[in-house]
Amino acid sequence: MRCRLVARVLSLVSLIVSFSMAFPMIWAVIDRTDDLQAFALSLACGVGFSFALFRLGKGSVDYEELGIREALAVVGLSWVMATAVGALPYVFTDVLHTYTDAFFETMSGFTTTGASVMTNIEGAPRSLLFWRGMTQWLGGMGIIVLSLAILPFLGIGGLELYKIEAPGPTPEKLTPRMQQTALLLWGIYVLLTAMETAFLMFGSMSFFDALTHSFTTISTGGFSPRNASIAYYRSPYVEWVVTVFMFLSGINFTLHYLFLTVFSRGNQQNWHKIWRDDEFRFYLYFVFAVTVSATAALVLGGLHANLGNAVRAAAFQVASLVTTTGFFSENYALWPSFAQCLILLLLFVGGCAGSTAGGLKMVRILVLVRTVRAEIWNFLHPRAVVRTKVNGKVISQVYLNSITAFFILYMWILCVACLAVTAFGNGRLDILTAFSGVLTCLGNTGPGLGALGPAENYAWLPAGVKWVLSFCMLVGRLELYAVLLLFFPATWKR
């Protein structure tokens, strides 16, 4: 492995994350609070760390030599490094008293998980809350994708980085040039963020609240500057706006690009491409079916006598959990058992590939469902030749094997992590709490069930459990392989 090349790229990524702290410093200046010094010190530490990595990578470096091994190291280590540097403001402002808590909160931010150890969110300075939301916004589209957008000299090697970080089994390039693809993705990302901010401000939300909520909605992160999350506003308008943008953020960003070309270039054929996309239609039908089922459970269970309120509550929570955002408008831990079973299902599924959502991804679920259907048909008709198709194309055996292997590995990590959490929990975690906690961190969702429900937080967990869950967040965000392969000696051999 070309370690100098890895160190050089890591230094550039660290520099981008460090300079991002300049934005929350603006709020510290506006509010005239002491946390300006904490951010300045954090930025200085980050720049110093970047310089040390740059010196470590001193020498002749050709970025086009970035192969699969170097890309794995860069992607996996850059997320750990970004979390380590990004945790400093929490420590220097003394909002979180241990580095374990600061690391957990920052990892939850960058991986857009939304699990929090902050017990009094509204008591924190606005600069820190802005940084908290910004970590999710940066991590939603991806730290590496941002680096590719502003560092064109990464060249061909950037494609390997993009493939590893991008969510989903088959990352798509919008254009032949990697930098142009990254710029387009970030352009769409910024546009959606600006649109939601405007809509929320129209609903009488302050600019700060609207912007931070937009950061964490479009990134499907779920951090809120309010202790009660979206329930704080008691506004049906705000809930519907957030619901719509959560749903949109769970869609493959390639489809957003196609949608924009319909208006910008008059390309009407892209309407058909969007609607004919099997994953999008599966996502749409799935969300609709679960929302109807949850609505029925709320009405029949007597929690919402008004049908309109029941539909709004169900639609919001289904969109929040299926896209792994993690906002809550009410305590769904009090919902009927059937509705809570639906919630547990949503923690598994996730949004579409190529979106900012976590989880298994809709396309993998769709392929697995169609594979099972094909096997059942073959059992009934042994001589029939049945092929699994997505978007009219036959799925290759290699692709099927990769999805099956991913699903098995996902379940294996879930089981092992549950055992680890219960071991470190010292008997303080019941089975439901441990299982939902691991599941929600692995799927980058945030709130779970039991003692980790929407009205609770993760502050009370032992330090060992927090480190296990932090690992689950990272593994889930980078889709398993990019992290697990770092523990294989063959990855580090040249």
Protein backbone atom coordinates (compact mmCIF):
# COMPACT_ATOMS: atom_id res chain seq x y z
CA MET A 1 0.00 0.00 0.00
CA ARG A 2 1.20 3.54 -0.81
CA CYS A 3 1.04 4.93 2.73
CA ARG A 4 2.42 8.32 1.72
CA LEU A 5 -0.40 8.75 -0.76
CA VAL A 6 -2.97 7.77 1.89
CA ALA A 7 -1.49 10.25 4.38
CA ARG A 8 -1.51 13.05 1.79
CA VAL A 9 -5.19 12.54 0.90
CA LEU A 10 -6.14 12.22 4.57
CA SER A 11 -4.41 15.54 5.29
CA LEU A 12 -6.56 17.25 2.65
CA VAL A 13 -9.77 15.72 4.00
CA SER A 14 -8.82 16.72 7.54
CA LEU A 15 -8.17 20.27 6.36
CA ILE A 16 -11.66 20.51 4.81
CA VAL A 17 -13.32 19.29 8.01
CA SER A 18 -11.24 21.67 10.12
CA PHE A 19 -12.02 24.75 8.03
CA SER A 20 -15.72 23.84 8.17
CA MET A 21 -15.60 24.93 11.82
CA ALA A 22 -15.37 28.52 10.61
CA PHE A 23 -19.12 28.49 9.90
CA PRO A 24 -20.31 27.81 13.48
CA MET A 25 -17.81 30.43 14.63
CA ILE A 26 -20.00 33.01 12.85
CA TRP A 27 -22.82 32.22 15.29
CA ALA A 28 -20.41 32.55 18.22
CA VAL A 29 -19.50 36.04 16.96
CA ILE A 30 -23.18 36.98 16.49
CA ASP A 31 -24.13 35.73 19.98
CA ARG A 32 -20.91 37.08 21.56
CA THR A 33 -20.32 33.88 23.49
CA ASP A 34 -17.11 32.39 24.88
CA ASP A 35 -17.35 29.29 22.68
CA LEU A 36 -15.58 31.24 19.89
CA GLN A 37 -12.29 30.38 21.58
CA ALA A 38 -13.25 26.70 21.77
CA PHE A 39 -13.90 26.56 18.02
CA ALA A 40 -10.75 28.54 17.22
CA LEU A 41 -8.71 26.07 19.30
CA SER A 42 -10.45 23.11 17.64
CA LEU A 43 -9.75 24.54 14.19
CA ALA A 44 -6.11 25.10 15.08
CA CYS A 45 -5.75 21.52 16.33
CA GLY A 46 -7.36 20.21 13.14
CA VAL A 47 -5.06 22.26 10.92
CA GLY A 48 -2.05 21.11 12.95
CA PHE A 49 -3.11 17.48 12.54
CA SER A 50 -3.56 18.05 8.79
CA PHE A 51 -0.08 19.53 8.55
CA ALA A 52 1.40 16.53 10.39
CA LEU A 53 -0.28 14.14 7.93
CA PHE A 54 0.89 16.25 5.01
CA ARG A 55 4.47 16.06 6.25
CA LEU A 56 4.06 12.31 6.73
CA GLY A 57 3.06 12.06 3.07
CA LYS A 58 5.98 14.20 1.93
CA GLY A 59 7.49 13.15 -1.38
CA SER A 60 6.41 12.49 -4.95
CA VAL A 61 2.69 11.68 -4.97
CA ASP A 62 0.62 10.73 -8.00
CA TYR A 63 -3.07 10.82 -7.07
CA GLU A 64 -3.98 8.70 -10.09
CA GLU A 65 -2.14 5.79 -8.44
CA LEU A 66 -4.94 5.60 -5.87
CA GLY A 67 -5.97 1.94 -6.04
CA ILE A 68 -8.59 -0.08 -4.21
CA ARG A 69 -6.38 -0.65 -1.14
CA GLU A 70 -5.49 3.02 -0.79
CA ALA A 71 -9.12 4.01 -1.37
CA LEU A 72 -10.29 1.67 1.40
CA ALA A 73 -7.76 3.14 3.81
CA VAL A 74 -8.59 6.73 2.87
CA VAL A 75 -12.37 6.31 3.17
CA GLY A 76 -12.35 4.30 6.38
CA LEU A 77 -9.70 6.37 8.16
CA SER A 78 -11.02 9.73 6.95
CA TRP A 79 -14.35 9.16 8.71
CA VAL A 80 -12.61 8.18 11.95
CA MET A 81 -10.26 11.15 11.62
CA ALA A 82 -13.12 13.57 10.87
CA THR A 83 -14.94 12.32 13.97
CA ALA A 84 -11.85 12.62 16.15
CA VAL A 85 -11.27 16.24 15.04
CA GLY A 86 -14.97 17.14 14.95
CA ALA A 87 -15.40 16.02 18.57
CA LEU A 88 -13.04 18.71 19.87
CA PRO A 89 -15.62 21.56 20.07
CA TYR A 90 -17.79 19.45 22.39
CA VAL A 91 -14.82 18.94 24.71
CA PHE A 92 -13.45 22.50 24.63
CA THR A 93 -16.89 24.04 25.26
CA ASP A 94 -17.36 21.56 28.15
CA VAL A 95 -20.86 20.71 26.90
CA LEU A 96 -19.88 17.03 26.98
CA HIS A 97 -17.53 16.12 29.81
CA THR A 98 -15.85 13.01 28.38
CA TYR A 99 -14.17 12.42 25.04
CA THR A 100 -16.18 9.19 24.72
CA ASP A 101 -19.43 11.19 24.71
CA ALA A 102 -17.96 13.78 22.33
CA PHE A 103 -16.77 11.07 19.93
CA PHE A 104 -20.13 9.29 20.09
CA GLU A 105 -22.07 12.51 19.38
CA THR A 106 -19.78 13.44 16.48
CA MET A 107 -19.81 9.95 14.97
CA SER A 108 -23.60 10.04 15.22
CA GLY A 109 -23.46 13.38 13.42
CA PHE A 110 -21.15 12.52 10.53
CA THR A 111 -22.82 9.14 9.95
CA THR A 112 -26.26 10.87 10.10
CA THR A 113 -27.42 8.46 12.79
CA GLY A 114 -28.98 11.00 15.15
CA ALA A 115 -28.39 9.09 18.39
CA SER A 116 -27.55 11.69 21.03
CA VAL A 117 -25.96 11.80 24.48
CA MET A 118 -26.87 15.48 25.06
CA THR A 119 -29.46 15.72 27.83
CA ASN A 120 -30.14 19.46 27.54
CA ILE A 121 -29.81 20.36 23.88
CA GLU A 122 -31.40 23.79 24.21
CA GLY A 123 -28.90 24.72 26.93
CA ALA A 124 -25.96 24.42 24.49
CA PRO A 125 -24.66 27.50 22.60
CA ARG A 126 -26.03 28.05 19.11
CA SER A 127 -22.58 27.74 17.56
CA LEU A 128 -22.24 24.18 18.88
CA LEU A 129 -25.79 23.26 17.81
CA PHE A 130 -24.99 24.60 14.35
CA TRP A 131 -21.82 22.48 14.24
CA ARG A 132 -23.87 19.52 15.47
CA GLY A 133 -26.28 19.92 12.56
CA MET A 134 -23.50 20.69 10.10
CA THR A 135 -21.69 17.43 10.86
CA GLN A 136 -24.80 15.62 9.67
CA TRP A 137 -25.06 17.80 6.58
CA LEU A 138 -21.42 17.14 5.67
CA GLY A 139 -21.75 13.43 6.32
CA GLY A 140 -25.07 13.09 4.49
CA MET A 141 -23.72 13.59 0.99
CA GLY A 142 -20.31 12.37 2.10
CA ILE A 143 -17.01 13.82 3.24
CA ILE A 144 -15.19 12.17 0.34
CA VAL A 145 -17.73 13.39 -2.22
CA LEU A 146 -17.22 16.94 -0.89
CA SER A 147 -13.46 16.47 -1.22
CA LEU A 148 -13.86 15.29 -4.81
CA ALA A 149 -15.98 18.33 -5.61
CA ILE A 150 -13.32 20.82 -4.50
CA LEU A 151 -10.13 18.81 -5.13
CA PRO A 152 -10.08 18.14 -8.91
CA PHE A 153 -6.46 16.92 -8.88
CA LEU A 154 -7.58 13.63 -7.28
CA GLY A 155 -8.41 12.67 -10.86
CA ILE A 156 -9.03 9.06 -11.79
CA GLY A 157 -8.23 7.88 -8.26
CA GLY A 158 -11.29 9.75 -7.03
CA LEU A 159 -13.56 7.21 -8.70
CA GLU A 160 -12.35 4.48 -6.32
CA LEU A 161 -13.08 6.75 -3.34
CA TYR A 162 -16.57 7.52 -4.65
CA LYS A 163 -17.44 3.86 -5.20
CA ILE A 164 -16.51 2.95 -1.64
CA GLU A 165 -18.23 5.85 0.15
CA ALA A 166 -21.40 6.16 -1.97
CA PRO A 167 -24.40 4.33 -0.44
CA GLY A 168 -25.86 1.43 -2.37
CA PRO A 169 -24.57 -1.64 -4.23
CA THR A 170 -23.90 0.15 -7.56
CA PRO A 171 -22.96 3.85 -7.28
CA GLU A 172 -23.88 5.83 -10.39
CA LYS A 173 -21.91 8.58 -12.08
CA LEU A 174 -24.05 11.40 -13.47
CA THR A 175 -21.30 12.54 -15.84
CA PRO A 176 -18.06 11.01 -17.18
CA ARG A 177 -15.96 13.36 -15.02
CA MET A 178 -15.89 12.45 -11.32
CA GLN A 179 -15.49 16.03 -10.13
CA GLN A 180 -18.49 17.15 -12.21
CA THR A 181 -20.58 14.33 -10.75
CA ALA A 182 -19.61 15.39 -7.21
CA LEU A 183 -20.43 19.04 -7.97
CA LEU A 184 -23.85 18.11 -9.40
CA LEU A 185 -24.68 15.95 -6.38
CA TRP A 186 -23.71 18.72 -3.97
CA GLY A 187 -25.61 21.26 -6.09
CA ILE A 188 -28.82 19.24 -5.77
CA TYR A 189 -28.10 18.77 -2.07
CA VAL A 190 -27.71 22.51 -1.48
CA LEU A 191 -30.83 23.26 -3.54
CA LEU A 192 -33.00 20.91 -1.45
CA THR A 193 -31.54 22.38 1.75
CA ALA A 194 -32.31 25.94 0.62
CA MET A 195 -35.85 24.99 -0.42
CA GLU A 196 -36.69 23.38 2.91
CA THR A 197 -35.19 26.30 4.82
CA ALA A 198 -37.45 28.69 2.92
CA PHE A 199 -40.55 26.56 3.50
CA LEU A 200 -39.85 26.23 7.24
CA MET A 201 -39.26 29.96 7.62
CA PHE A 202 -42.59 30.53 5.89
CA GLY A 203 -44.06 28.49 8.76
CA SER A 204 -42.79 31.08 11.27
CA MET A 205 -39.66 29.11 12.21
CA SER A 206 -36.54 31.20 12.93
CA PHE A 207 -33.72 31.21 10.36
CA PHE A 208 -31.41 29.31 12.72
CA ASP A 209 -33.96 26.60 13.48
CA ALA A 210 -35.03 26.34 9.84
CA LEU A 211 -31.45 26.01 8.59
CA THR A 212 -30.32 23.49 11.19
CA HIS A 213 -33.45 21.38 10.66
CA SER A 214 -32.90 21.51 6.90
CA PHE A 215 -29.31 20.36 7.42
CA THR A 216 -30.50 17.34 9.36
CA THR A 217 -33.55 16.58 7.21
CA ILE A 218 -31.88 16.53 3.80
CA SER A 219 -29.00 14.52 5.26
CA THR A 220 -31.58 12.20 6.93
CA GLY A 221 -29.72 12.76 10.20
CA GLY A 222 -32.38 13.78 12.71
CA PHE A 223 -30.46 16.08 15.07
CA SER A 224 -32.66 18.95 16.25
CA PRO A 225 -31.76 22.09 18.23
CA ARG A 226 -34.84 21.36 20.36
CA ASN A 227 -35.13 18.79 23.14
CA ALA A 228 -38.56 17.70 21.87
CA SER A 229 -37.45 17.54 18.23
CA ILE A 230 -40.20 18.49 15.74
CA ALA A 231 -42.86 17.99 18.46
CA TYR A 232 -41.61 21.26 19.99
CA TYR A 233 -43.31 23.36 17.30
CA ARG A 234 -46.77 21.77 17.56
CA SER A 235 -47.34 22.75 13.93
CA PRO A 236 -49.04 20.51 11.35
CA TYR A 237 -47.50 22.69 8.62
CA VAL A 238 -43.95 22.10 9.89
CA GLU A 239 -44.60 18.37 10.23
CA TRP A 240 -45.86 18.07 6.65
CA VAL A 241 -42.96 20.11 5.25
CA VAL A 242 -40.42 17.96 7.09
CA THR A 243 -42.28 14.78 6.04
CA VAL A 244 -42.12 15.73 2.35
CA PHE A 245 -38.43 16.60 2.45
CA MET A 246 -37.56 13.45 4.41
CA PHE A 247 -39.33 11.42 1.74
CA LEU A 248 -37.50 13.29 -1.04
CA SER A 249 -34.15 12.78 0.69
CA GLY A 250 -34.75 9.02 0.72
CA ILE A 251 -34.88 8.97 -3.11
CA ASN A 252 -31.82 8.23 -5.25
CA PHE A 253 -30.21 11.57 -6.09
CA THR A 254 -29.81 10.41 -9.67
CA LEU A 255 -33.60 10.66 -9.98
CA HIS A 256 -33.48 14.19 -8.58
CA TYR A 257 -30.98 15.01 -11.33
CA LEU A 258 -33.25 13.51 -13.98
CA PHE A 259 -36.18 15.49 -12.57
CA LEU A 260 -34.22 18.74 -12.85
CA THR A 261 -33.25 17.99 -16.46
CA VAL A 262 -36.94 17.78 -17.36
CA PHE A 263 -37.26 21.49 -16.54
CA SER A 264 -33.79 22.75 -17.42
CA ARG A 265 -33.40 20.90 -20.73
CA GLY A 266 -36.98 19.97 -21.55
CA ASN A 267 -36.03 16.28 -21.60
CA GLN A 268 -39.48 14.72 -21.22
CA GLN A 269 -38.15 11.17 -21.60
CA ASN A 270 -36.69 11.40 -18.13
CA TRP A 271 -40.24 11.48 -16.70
CA HIS A 272 -40.60 7.88 -17.90
CA LYS A 273 -37.17 6.91 -16.53
CA ILE A 274 -38.13 8.20 -13.12
CA TRP A 275 -41.48 6.43 -12.96
CA ARG A 276 -40.14 3.20 -14.47
CA ASP A 277 -37.40 2.97 -11.86
CA ASP A 278 -38.27 -0.19 -9.93
CA GLU A 279 -36.60 0.90 -6.71
CA PHE A 280 -38.43 4.24 -6.67
CA ARG A 281 -41.82 2.58 -7.21
CA PHE A 282 -41.06 -0.03 -4.54
CA TYR A 283 -40.08 2.78 -2.16
CA LEU A 284 -43.27 4.70 -2.95
CA TYR A 285 -45.58 1.70 -2.54
CA PHE A 286 -43.81 0.53 0.62
CA VAL A 287 -44.07 3.91 2.35
CA PHE A 288 -47.73 4.23 1.33
CA ALA A 289 -48.63 0.72 2.56
CA VAL A 290 -46.88 1.14 5.93
CA THR A 291 -48.38 4.60 6.42
CA VAL A 292 -51.89 3.27 5.81
CA SER A 293 -51.26 0.37 8.21
CA ALA A 294 -49.86 2.67 10.91
CA THR A 295 -52.78 5.07 10.48
CA ALA A 296 -55.25 2.24 10.94
CA ALA A 297 -53.41 1.10 14.09
CA LEU A 298 -53.52 4.60 15.59
CA VAL A 299 -57.24 5.07 14.85
CA LEU A 300 -58.30 1.61 16.00
CA GLY A 301 -56.04 1.87 19.05
CA GLY A 302 -57.80 5.05 20.09
CA LEU A 303 -54.66 7.23 20.10
CA HIS A 304 -56.00 9.53 17.37
CA ALA A 305 -59.74 9.92 17.02
CA ASN A 306 -59.25 12.44 14.20
CA LEU A 307 -58.30 10.71 10.93
CA GLY A 308 -56.34 13.71 9.67
CA ASN A 309 -54.16 13.79 12.78
CA ALA A 310 -53.61 10.04 12.56
CA VAL A 311 -52.52 10.27 8.91
CA ARG A 312 -50.12 13.12 9.71
CA ALA A 313 -48.58 11.31 12.69
CA ALA A 314 -48.22 8.04 10.79
CA ALA A 315 -46.84 9.67 7.62
CA PHE A 316 -44.29 11.69 9.59
CA GLN A 317 -43.00 8.78 11.65
CA VAL A 318 -42.92 6.33 8.74
CA ALA A 319 -41.01 8.82 6.58
CA SER A 320 -38.66 9.59 9.48
CA LEU A 321 -37.80 5.95 10.17
CA VAL A 322 -37.78 4.50 6.66
CA THR A 323 -35.37 7.24 5.55
CA THR A 324 -33.38 6.73 8.79
CA THR A 325 -33.81 10.41 9.73
CA GLY A 326 -34.94 9.87 13.32
CA PHE A 327 -37.08 12.97 13.95
CA PHE A 328 -40.16 12.40 16.08
CA SER A 329 -43.40 14.34 16.37
CA GLU A 330 -44.75 12.20 19.21
CA ASN A 331 -43.61 9.32 21.40
CA TYR A 332 -44.20 6.27 19.21
CA ALA A 333 -43.09 4.04 22.10
CA LEU A 334 -46.67 4.53 23.36
CA TRP A 335 -48.23 3.33 20.10
CA PRO A 336 -50.04 -0.05 19.88
CA SER A 337 -47.90 -3.19 19.59
CA PHE A 338 -48.75 -3.64 15.90
CA ALA A 339 -47.50 -0.13 15.12
CA GLN A 340 -44.29 -0.76 17.08
CA CYS A 341 -43.73 -3.95 15.07
CA LEU A 342 -43.99 -1.82 11.93
CA ILE A 343 -41.41 0.55 13.43
CA LEU A 344 -39.03 -2.37 14.05
CA LEU A 345 -39.46 -3.35 10.39
CA LEU A 346 -38.65 0.19 9.26
CA LEU A 347 -35.40 0.14 11.23
CA PHE A 348 -34.21 -2.65 8.92
CA VAL A 349 -35.24 -1.35 5.51
CA GLY A 350 -33.81 2.13 4.85
CA GLY A 351 -34.22 4.40 1.83
CA CYS A 352 -33.08 4.12 -1.77
CA ALA A 353 -29.53 3.50 -2.93
CA GLY A 354 -27.80 6.73 -3.90
CA SER A 355 -29.77 8.71 -1.30
CA THR A 356 -28.61 10.07 2.05
CA ALA A 357 -30.62 7.39 3.88
CA GLY A 358 -29.05 4.43 5.67
CA GLY A 359 -30.31 0.89 6.28
CA LEU A 360 -30.21 -2.10 3.97
CA LYS A 361 -31.53 0.01 1.05
CA MET A 362 -34.71 -0.57 -0.95
CA VAL A 363 -32.97 -2.01 -4.00
CA ARG A 364 -31.40 -4.80 -1.95
CA ILE A 365 -34.75 -5.64 -0.35
CA LEU A 366 -36.39 -5.60 -3.78
CA VAL A 367 -33.79 -7.94 -5.28
CA LEU A 368 -34.04 -10.33 -2.32
CA VAL A 369 -37.85 -10.38 -2.58
CA ARG A 370 -37.74 -11.08 -6.31
CA THR A 371 -35.09 -13.75 -5.83
CA VAL A 372 -37.30 -15.53 -3.28
CA ARG A 373 -40.25 -15.25 -5.67
CA ALA A 374 -38.15 -16.76 -8.48
CA GLU A 375 -37.05 -19.65 -6.25
CA ILE A 376 -40.65 -20.39 -5.27
CA TRP A 377 -41.68 -20.37 -8.94
CA ASN A 378 -38.79 -22.68 -9.84
CA PHE A 379 -39.84 -25.06 -7.08
CA LEU A 380 -43.34 -25.27 -8.58
CA HIS A 381 -42.06 -25.39 -12.19
CA PRO A 382 -38.65 -27.12 -12.17
CA ARG A 383 -38.21 -26.80 -15.95
CA ALA A 384 -39.03 -23.11 -16.11
CA VAL A 385 -36.25 -20.57 -16.55
CA VAL A 386 -37.02 -17.64 -14.25
CA ARG A 387 -34.62 -14.72 -14.03
CA THR A 388 -34.56 -11.93 -11.47
CA LYS A 389 -34.89 -8.53 -13.15
CA VAL A 390 -34.66 -4.92 -12.00
CA ASN A 391 -35.53 -2.06 -14.36
CA GLY A 392 -36.02 -4.60 -17.13
CA LYS A 393 -32.47 -5.95 -16.88
CA VAL A 394 -31.54 -9.44 -15.76
CA ILE A 395 -29.59 -9.38 -12.50
CA SER A 396 -26.27 -11.21 -12.86
CA GLN A 397 -25.33 -13.98 -10.49
CA VAL A 398 -22.38 -11.91 -9.27
CA TYR A 399 -24.72 -9.08 -8.31
CA LEU A 400 -27.12 -11.49 -6.58
CA ASN A 401 -24.24 -13.05 -4.65
CA SER A 402 -23.00 -9.64 -3.50
CA ILE A 403 -26.43 -8.63 -2.20
CA THR A 404 -26.93 -11.98 -0.46
CA ALA A 405 -23.48 -11.74 1.11
CA PHE A 406 -24.17 -8.17 2.24
CA PHE A 407 -27.44 -9.21 3.89
CA ILE A 408 -25.82 -12.16 5.68
CA LEU A 409 -22.89 -10.00 6.86
CA TYR A 410 -25.30 -7.28 8.01
CA MET A 411 -27.24 -9.77 10.12
CA TRP A 412 -24.02 -11.31 11.45
CA ILE A 413 -22.71 -7.90 12.59
CA LEU A 414 -26.11 -7.17 14.15
CA CYS A 415 -25.96 -10.36 16.22
CA VAL A 416 -22.32 -9.94 17.29
CA ALA A 417 -22.85 -6.29 18.22
CA CYS A 418 -25.93 -7.21 20.27
CA LEU A 419 -23.84 -9.72 22.22
CA ALA A 420 -21.12 -7.10 22.74
CA VAL A 421 -23.60 -4.46 23.91
CA THR A 422 -25.22 -6.79 26.43
CA ALA A 423 -21.75 -7.82 27.67
CA PHE A 424 -20.60 -4.22 28.18
CA GLY A 425 -24.02 -3.23 29.51
CA ASN A 426 -23.41 -4.94 32.85
CA GLY A 427 -26.99 -6.18 33.02
CA ARG A 428 -28.47 -2.67 32.55
CA LEU A 429 -29.87 -3.32 29.06
CA ASP A 430 -32.90 -5.47 28.34
CA ILE A 431 -33.10 -7.43 25.10
CA LEU A 432 -35.40 -4.96 23.28
CA THR A 433 -33.23 -1.98 24.22
CA ALA A 434 -29.99 -3.71 23.20
CA PHE A 435 -31.39 -5.08 19.93
CA SER A 436 -33.09 -1.86 18.82
CA GLY A 437 -30.06 0.21 19.90
CA VAL A 438 -27.67 -1.81 17.74
CA LEU A 439 -30.16 -1.99 14.87
CA THR A 440 -30.81 1.74 14.87
CA CYS A 441 -27.08 2.58 15.00
CA LEU A 442 -26.17 0.05 12.33
CA GLY A 443 -28.96 1.42 10.13
CA ASN A 444 -28.02 5.06 11.02
CA THR A 445 -31.54 5.81 12.25
CA GLY A 446 -31.08 7.17 15.79
CA PRO A 447 -33.99 6.49 18.15
CA GLY A 448 -34.95 2.91 18.88
CA LEU A 449 -37.34 1.21 21.28
CA GLY A 450 -37.34 0.38 24.97
CA ALA A 451 -35.01 2.56 27.04
CA LEU A 452 -33.62 4.09 23.82
CA GLY A 453 -36.97 5.28 22.47
CA PRO A 454 -37.68 8.72 20.97
CA ALA A 455 -38.22 10.33 24.40
CA GLU A 456 -34.90 8.94 25.72
CA ASN A 457 -31.23 9.39 24.84
CA TYR A 458 -27.95 7.45 24.96
CA ALA A 459 -26.25 9.40 27.76
CA TRP A 460 -26.88 6.74 30.43
CA LEU A 461 -25.15 3.94 28.53
CA PRO A 462 -21.76 2.65 29.79
CA ALA A 463 -18.69 3.86 27.90
CA GLY A 464 -18.03 0.42 26.40
CA VAL A 465 -21.50 0.30 24.88
CA LYS A 466 -21.03 3.76 23.35
CA TRP A 467 -17.82 2.66 21.62
CA VAL A 468 -19.51 -0.47 20.25
CA LEU A 469 -22.44 1.59 18.95
CA SER A 470 -20.03 4.17 17.46
CA PHE A 471 -18.40 1.33 15.54
CA CYS A 472 -21.84 0.17 14.36
CA MET A 473 -22.62 3.68 13.09
CA LEU A 474 -19.40 3.80 11.08
CA VAL A 475 -19.83 0.29 9.66
CA GLY A 476 -23.44 1.04 8.71
CA ARG A 477 -22.64 4.36 7.01
CA LEU A 478 -19.77 2.94 4.95
CA GLU A 479 -21.76 -0.22 4.16
CA LEU A 480 -19.66 -2.76 6.04
CA TYR A 481 -16.76 -3.60 3.72
CA ALA A 482 -14.90 -0.27 3.79
CA VAL A 483 -14.43 -0.65 7.55
CA LEU A 484 -14.15 -4.40 8.01
CA LEU A 485 -11.46 -4.78 5.32
CA LEU A 486 -9.21 -2.44 7.28
CA PHE A 487 -8.78 -5.27 9.80
CA PHE A 488 -7.48 -7.68 7.14
CA PRO A 489 -3.66 -7.76 6.81
CA ALA A 490 -3.98 -8.28 3.03
CA THR A 491 -5.48 -4.80 2.70
CA TRP A 492 -2.23 -3.21 3.91
CA LYS A 493 0.07 -5.25 1.69
CA ARG A 494 1.29 -3.76 -1.54
